[in-house]
């Protein structure tokens, strides 16, 4: 299997691009303070999945899955701050939270699956 065939990775990449498109339209101060943190968090979700994918020990792959999950929850916090500060509208905010929750479920399932087939 290739990394690009991993559904959870593709979902994280797509969400990162959607968030990027919104943040790049913010004023300098908002981008420099909250925006950079938000982009780093969401980009880290896919980046940690890819780094884990490149590892060959199940424990390492799983650990990077946990890091990815942490970044996903950090993203949720930064999105909430952006919404509270009127940088993200209600509709986008609801859509992003829905997608984060969807990715979270899939990410948990991915983490649980790591190493399951090593004895089969």
N, C-alpha and C. Protein backbone atom coordinates (compact mmCIF):
# COMPACT_ATOMS: atom_id res chain seq x y z
N UNK A 1 0.84 -1.18 0.00
CA UNK A 1 0.00 0.00 0.00
C UNK A 1 0.89 1.25 0.00
N UNK A 2 0.44 2.26 -0.73
CA UNK A 2 1.13 3.55 -0.77
C UNK A 2 0.44 4.51 0.19
N UNK A 3 1.19 5.48 0.67
CA UNK A 3 0.65 6.49 1.57
C UNK A 3 -0.57 7.17 0.96
N UNK A 4 -0.49 7.48 -0.31
CA UNK A 4 -1.57 8.19 -0.99
C UNK A 4 -2.86 7.36 -1.09
N UNK A 5 -2.78 6.07 -0.79
CA UNK A 5 -3.96 5.22 -0.79
C UNK A 5 -4.63 5.17 0.58
N UNK A 6 -4.00 5.76 1.58
CA UNK A 6 -4.53 5.78 2.93
C UNK A 6 -5.60 6.87 3.04
N UNK A 7 -6.85 6.47 3.22
CA UNK A 7 -7.98 7.39 3.22
C UNK A 7 -7.83 8.49 4.27
N UNK A 8 -7.42 8.14 5.46
CA UNK A 8 -7.30 9.12 6.54
C UNK A 8 -6.27 10.20 6.19
N UNK A 9 -5.21 9.80 5.52
CA UNK A 9 -4.18 10.76 5.08
C UNK A 9 -4.78 11.74 4.06
N UNK A 10 -5.52 11.23 3.10
CA UNK A 10 -6.14 12.08 2.08
C UNK A 10 -7.16 13.04 2.68
N UNK A 11 -7.93 12.58 3.66
CA UNK A 11 -8.90 13.46 4.32
C UNK A 11 -8.18 14.59 5.06
N UNK A 12 -7.09 14.26 5.74
CA UNK A 12 -6.32 15.27 6.47
C UNK A 12 -5.69 16.27 5.51
N UNK A 13 -5.18 15.79 4.39
CA UNK A 13 -4.59 16.69 3.39
C UNK A 13 -5.64 17.65 2.84
N UNK A 14 -6.81 17.12 2.52
CA UNK A 14 -7.89 17.94 1.96
C UNK A 14 -8.35 18.99 2.96
N UNK A 15 -8.50 18.61 4.22
CA UNK A 15 -8.93 19.57 5.24
C UNK A 15 -7.88 20.65 5.42
N UNK A 16 -6.62 20.28 5.39
CA UNK A 16 -5.54 21.26 5.51
C UNK A 16 -5.60 22.30 4.41
N UNK A 17 -5.89 21.88 3.20
CA UNK A 17 -5.98 22.83 2.08
C UNK A 17 -7.19 23.74 2.21
N UNK A 18 -8.30 23.20 2.69
CA UNK A 18 -9.50 24.03 2.89
C UNK A 18 -9.25 25.11 3.94
N UNK A 19 -8.59 24.72 5.02
CA UNK A 19 -8.30 25.68 6.08
C UNK A 19 -7.29 26.72 5.58
N UNK A 20 -6.28 26.27 4.84
CA UNK A 20 -5.28 27.19 4.27
C UNK A 20 -5.96 28.26 3.43
N UNK A 21 -6.91 27.86 2.59
CA UNK A 21 -7.60 28.81 1.72
C UNK A 21 -8.31 29.90 2.51
N UNK A 22 -8.81 29.57 3.68
CA UNK A 22 -9.48 30.58 4.51
C UNK A 22 -8.46 31.46 5.22
N UNK A 23 -7.45 30.84 5.83
CA UNK A 23 -6.47 31.60 6.61
C UNK A 23 -5.70 32.60 5.75
N UNK A 24 -5.39 32.24 4.52
CA UNK A 24 -4.60 33.16 3.69
C UNK A 24 -5.35 34.46 3.37
N UNK A 25 -6.65 34.49 3.59
CA UNK A 25 -7.43 35.70 3.38
C UNK A 25 -7.54 36.59 4.61
N UNK A 26 -6.99 36.14 5.73
CA UNK A 26 -7.06 36.94 6.96
C UNK A 26 -6.06 38.10 6.90
N UNK A 27 -6.28 39.10 7.75
CA UNK A 27 -5.33 40.21 7.85
C UNK A 27 -4.02 39.70 8.46
N UNK A 28 -2.98 40.50 8.35
CA UNK A 28 -1.64 40.08 8.78
C UNK A 28 -1.61 39.63 10.23
N UNK A 29 -2.17 40.43 11.13
CA UNK A 29 -2.12 40.10 12.55
C UNK A 29 -2.79 38.76 12.84
N UNK A 30 -3.95 38.53 12.29
CA UNK A 30 -4.68 37.27 12.52
C UNK A 30 -3.92 36.08 11.95
N UNK A 31 -3.35 36.25 10.76
CA UNK A 31 -2.54 35.17 10.16
C UNK A 31 -1.31 34.88 11.00
N UNK A 32 -0.66 35.95 11.46
CA UNK A 32 0.60 35.80 12.17
C UNK A 32 0.42 35.19 13.56
N UNK A 33 -0.69 35.44 14.20
CA UNK A 33 -0.90 34.93 15.56
C UNK A 33 -1.64 33.59 15.51
N UNK A 34 -2.91 33.65 15.26
CA UNK A 34 -3.74 32.45 15.27
C UNK A 34 -3.57 31.59 14.02
N UNK A 35 -3.45 32.23 12.88
CA UNK A 35 -3.38 31.49 11.62
C UNK A 35 -2.20 30.54 11.52
N UNK A 36 -1.03 31.00 11.92
CA UNK A 36 0.16 30.13 11.87
C UNK A 36 -0.01 28.90 12.76
N UNK A 37 -0.57 29.11 13.93
CA UNK A 37 -0.80 27.99 14.84
C UNK A 37 -1.79 26.98 14.26
N UNK A 38 -2.85 27.51 13.68
CA UNK A 38 -3.89 26.67 13.08
C UNK A 38 -3.32 25.86 11.91
N UNK A 39 -2.57 26.50 11.05
CA UNK A 39 -2.01 25.81 9.89
C UNK A 39 -0.99 24.76 10.33
N UNK A 40 -0.15 25.09 11.29
CA UNK A 40 0.82 24.10 11.79
C UNK A 40 0.10 22.89 12.36
N UNK A 41 -0.98 23.11 13.10
CA UNK A 41 -1.71 22.01 13.72
C UNK A 41 -2.34 21.10 12.66
N UNK A 42 -3.06 21.68 11.71
CA UNK A 42 -3.75 20.84 10.72
C UNK A 42 -2.75 20.17 9.78
N UNK A 43 -1.67 20.85 9.43
CA UNK A 43 -0.67 20.22 8.56
C UNK A 43 0.03 19.09 9.28
N UNK A 44 0.14 19.19 10.58
CA UNK A 44 0.80 18.16 11.37
C UNK A 44 0.01 16.85 11.40
N UNK A 45 -1.29 16.91 11.20
CA UNK A 45 -2.11 15.69 11.18
C UNK A 45 -1.63 14.77 10.06
N UNK A 46 -1.58 15.29 8.84
CA UNK A 46 -1.12 14.49 7.70
C UNK A 46 0.37 14.19 7.79
N UNK A 47 1.16 15.16 8.26
CA UNK A 47 2.61 14.98 8.34
C UNK A 47 2.97 13.84 9.29
N UNK A 48 2.30 13.75 10.42
CA UNK A 48 2.58 12.67 11.35
C UNK A 48 2.12 11.32 10.81
N UNK A 49 1.01 11.32 10.10
CA UNK A 49 0.58 10.06 9.46
C UNK A 49 1.62 9.59 8.46
N UNK A 50 2.16 10.53 7.67
CA UNK A 50 3.14 10.14 6.66
C UNK A 50 4.45 9.71 7.31
N UNK A 51 4.87 10.39 8.39
CA UNK A 51 6.09 9.96 9.05
C UNK A 51 5.93 8.57 9.66
N UNK A 52 4.79 8.33 10.28
CA UNK A 52 4.53 7.00 10.83
C UNK A 52 4.47 5.94 9.76
N UNK A 53 3.90 6.30 8.62
CA UNK A 53 3.79 5.35 7.51
C UNK A 53 5.16 4.90 7.03
N UNK A 54 6.13 5.78 7.16
CA UNK A 54 7.49 5.46 6.73
C UNK A 54 8.28 4.65 7.73
N UNK A 55 7.71 4.40 8.89
CA UNK A 55 8.40 3.60 9.91
C UNK A 55 8.05 2.13 9.72
N UNK A 56 8.93 1.27 10.20
CA UNK A 56 8.71 -0.16 9.97
C UNK A 56 8.45 -0.94 11.25
N UNK A 57 8.31 -0.26 12.36
CA UNK A 57 8.00 -0.94 13.61
C UNK A 57 6.59 -0.51 14.03
N UNK A 58 5.74 -1.47 14.36
CA UNK A 58 4.35 -1.16 14.66
C UNK A 58 4.20 -0.13 15.77
N UNK A 59 5.05 -0.21 16.80
CA UNK A 59 4.95 0.74 17.91
C UNK A 59 5.20 2.17 17.44
N UNK A 60 6.18 2.36 16.57
CA UNK A 60 6.47 3.70 16.05
C UNK A 60 5.32 4.21 15.19
N UNK A 61 4.79 3.36 14.34
CA UNK A 61 3.67 3.75 13.48
C UNK A 61 2.49 4.19 14.35
N UNK A 62 2.22 3.42 15.39
CA UNK A 62 1.12 3.75 16.30
C UNK A 62 1.38 5.06 17.03
N UNK A 63 2.60 5.27 17.49
CA UNK A 63 2.92 6.52 18.19
C UNK A 63 2.68 7.73 17.29
N UNK A 64 3.07 7.65 16.03
CA UNK A 64 2.83 8.77 15.14
C UNK A 64 1.34 8.95 14.86
N UNK A 65 0.57 7.89 14.94
CA UNK A 65 -0.88 8.01 14.87
C UNK A 65 -1.42 8.79 16.05
N UNK A 66 -0.86 8.55 17.23
CA UNK A 66 -1.25 9.31 18.42
C UNK A 66 -0.88 10.78 18.28
N UNK A 67 0.31 11.05 17.75
CA UNK A 67 0.72 12.45 17.53
C UNK A 67 -0.24 13.13 16.57
N UNK A 68 -0.64 12.41 15.53
CA UNK A 68 -1.57 12.94 14.55
C UNK A 68 -2.90 13.27 15.22
N UNK A 69 -3.36 12.37 16.08
CA UNK A 69 -4.63 12.60 16.78
C UNK A 69 -4.52 13.84 17.69
N UNK A 70 -3.38 14.00 18.36
CA UNK A 70 -3.18 15.19 19.18
C UNK A 70 -3.24 16.46 18.36
N UNK A 71 -2.64 16.44 17.18
CA UNK A 71 -2.67 17.60 16.29
C UNK A 71 -4.09 17.88 15.80
N UNK A 72 -4.87 16.83 15.61
CA UNK A 72 -6.25 17.00 15.18
C UNK A 72 -7.05 17.74 16.24
N UNK A 73 -6.86 17.35 17.50
CA UNK A 73 -7.56 18.03 18.58
C UNK A 73 -7.04 19.45 18.80
N UNK A 74 -5.76 19.67 18.58
CA UNK A 74 -5.22 21.02 18.64
C UNK A 74 -5.87 21.88 17.55
N UNK A 75 -6.04 21.32 16.38
CA UNK A 75 -6.70 22.03 15.28
C UNK A 75 -8.10 22.47 15.69
N UNK A 76 -8.80 21.57 16.37
CA UNK A 76 -10.16 21.89 16.82
C UNK A 76 -10.15 23.10 17.76
N UNK A 77 -9.17 23.18 18.63
CA UNK A 77 -9.06 24.31 19.54
C UNK A 77 -8.81 25.62 18.78
N UNK A 78 -7.86 25.59 17.84
CA UNK A 78 -7.56 26.81 17.07
C UNK A 78 -8.74 27.23 16.21
N UNK A 79 -9.48 26.27 15.67
CA UNK A 79 -10.67 26.62 14.90
C UNK A 79 -11.72 27.27 15.78
N UNK A 80 -11.86 26.76 16.99
CA UNK A 80 -12.83 27.34 17.93
C UNK A 80 -12.43 28.77 18.28
N UNK A 81 -11.14 29.01 18.50
CA UNK A 81 -10.67 30.37 18.77
C UNK A 81 -10.93 31.28 17.56
N UNK A 82 -10.67 30.77 16.36
CA UNK A 82 -10.91 31.56 15.14
C UNK A 82 -12.39 31.89 15.00
N UNK A 83 -13.24 30.93 15.31
CA UNK A 83 -14.68 31.17 15.23
C UNK A 83 -15.12 32.18 16.29
N UNK A 84 -14.62 32.02 17.51
CA UNK A 84 -14.97 32.95 18.59
C UNK A 84 -14.52 34.37 18.29
N UNK A 85 -13.46 34.52 17.50
CA UNK A 85 -12.92 35.83 17.16
C UNK A 85 -13.42 36.33 15.80
N UNK A 86 -14.47 35.68 15.29
CA UNK A 86 -15.15 36.07 14.05
C UNK A 86 -14.25 36.01 12.82
N UNK A 87 -13.30 35.09 12.83
CA UNK A 87 -12.44 34.89 11.66
C UNK A 87 -12.97 33.78 10.76
N UNK A 88 -13.80 32.92 11.33
CA UNK A 88 -14.43 31.83 10.59
C UNK A 88 -15.93 31.91 10.85
N UNK A 89 -16.69 31.85 9.78
CA UNK A 89 -18.15 31.93 9.89
C UNK A 89 -18.75 30.66 10.47
N UNK A 90 -20.00 30.76 10.85
CA UNK A 90 -20.71 29.64 11.48
C UNK A 90 -20.76 28.40 10.60
N UNK A 91 -21.08 28.58 9.32
CA UNK A 91 -21.20 27.43 8.41
C UNK A 91 -19.87 26.71 8.23
N UNK A 92 -18.81 27.48 7.97
CA UNK A 92 -17.49 26.86 7.83
C UNK A 92 -17.08 26.17 9.12
N UNK A 93 -17.33 26.82 10.24
CA UNK A 93 -16.96 26.25 11.53
C UNK A 93 -17.66 24.91 11.76
N UNK A 94 -18.96 24.86 11.50
CA UNK A 94 -19.71 23.60 11.66
C UNK A 94 -19.18 22.52 10.71
N UNK A 95 -18.90 22.91 9.47
CA UNK A 95 -18.36 21.96 8.50
C UNK A 95 -17.00 21.43 8.94
N UNK A 96 -16.14 22.32 9.43
CA UNK A 96 -14.81 21.89 9.89
C UNK A 96 -14.91 20.96 11.08
N UNK A 97 -15.78 21.28 12.03
CA UNK A 97 -15.94 20.40 13.20
C UNK A 97 -16.47 19.03 12.80
N UNK A 98 -17.40 19.02 11.87
CA UNK A 98 -17.95 17.75 11.38
C UNK A 98 -16.84 16.91 10.74
N UNK A 99 -16.01 17.55 9.94
CA UNK A 99 -14.91 16.84 9.27
C UNK A 99 -13.86 16.37 10.28
N UNK A 100 -13.56 17.21 11.26
CA UNK A 100 -12.61 16.80 12.30
C UNK A 100 -13.13 15.59 13.07
N UNK A 101 -14.41 15.60 13.40
CA UNK A 101 -14.98 14.45 14.10
C UNK A 101 -14.94 13.20 13.24
N UNK A 102 -15.21 13.34 11.96
CA UNK A 102 -15.14 12.21 11.03
C UNK A 102 -13.71 11.68 10.94
N UNK A 103 -12.75 12.58 10.79
CA UNK A 103 -11.34 12.17 10.73
C UNK A 103 -10.94 11.52 12.05
N UNK A 104 -11.42 12.06 13.16
CA UNK A 104 -11.09 11.50 14.47
C UNK A 104 -11.53 10.05 14.61
N UNK A 105 -12.73 9.74 14.16
CA UNK A 105 -13.22 8.36 14.22
C UNK A 105 -12.35 7.45 13.34
N UNK A 106 -12.09 7.90 12.14
CA UNK A 106 -11.27 7.10 11.22
C UNK A 106 -9.84 6.95 11.73
N UNK A 107 -9.32 7.99 12.34
CA UNK A 107 -7.96 7.94 12.88
C UNK A 107 -7.89 6.96 14.05
N UNK A 108 -8.89 6.97 14.92
CA UNK A 108 -8.94 6.00 16.02
C UNK A 108 -8.99 4.57 15.49
N UNK A 109 -9.79 4.35 14.46
CA UNK A 109 -9.88 3.01 13.87
C UNK A 109 -8.55 2.61 13.23
N UNK A 110 -7.88 3.56 12.59
CA UNK A 110 -6.57 3.29 11.99
C UNK A 110 -5.57 2.91 13.07
N UNK A 111 -5.54 3.66 14.15
CA UNK A 111 -4.61 3.37 15.25
C UNK A 111 -4.88 1.98 15.82
N UNK A 112 -6.15 1.66 16.03
CA UNK A 112 -6.51 0.34 16.56
C UNK A 112 -6.10 -0.79 15.63
N UNK A 113 -6.08 -0.52 14.33
CA UNK A 113 -5.78 -1.57 13.35
C UNK A 113 -4.28 -1.85 13.21
N UNK A 114 -3.44 -0.93 13.66
CA UNK A 114 -2.00 -1.06 13.47
C UNK A 114 -1.48 -2.26 14.26
N UNK A 115 -0.82 -3.15 13.54
CA UNK A 115 -0.23 -4.34 14.16
C UNK A 115 -1.17 -5.51 14.30
N UNK A 116 -2.41 -5.37 13.93
CA UNK A 116 -3.38 -6.46 14.07
C UNK A 116 -3.04 -7.66 13.19
N UNK A 117 -2.46 -7.41 12.01
CA UNK A 117 -2.20 -8.49 11.06
C UNK A 117 -0.78 -9.06 11.15
N UNK A 118 -0.01 -8.65 12.15
CA UNK A 118 1.38 -9.08 12.18
C UNK A 118 1.55 -10.57 12.48
N UNK A 119 0.54 -11.22 13.10
CA UNK A 119 0.66 -12.64 13.38
C UNK A 119 -0.17 -13.49 12.44
N UNK A 120 -0.93 -12.85 11.59
CA UNK A 120 -1.81 -13.62 10.67
C UNK A 120 -1.05 -14.03 9.42
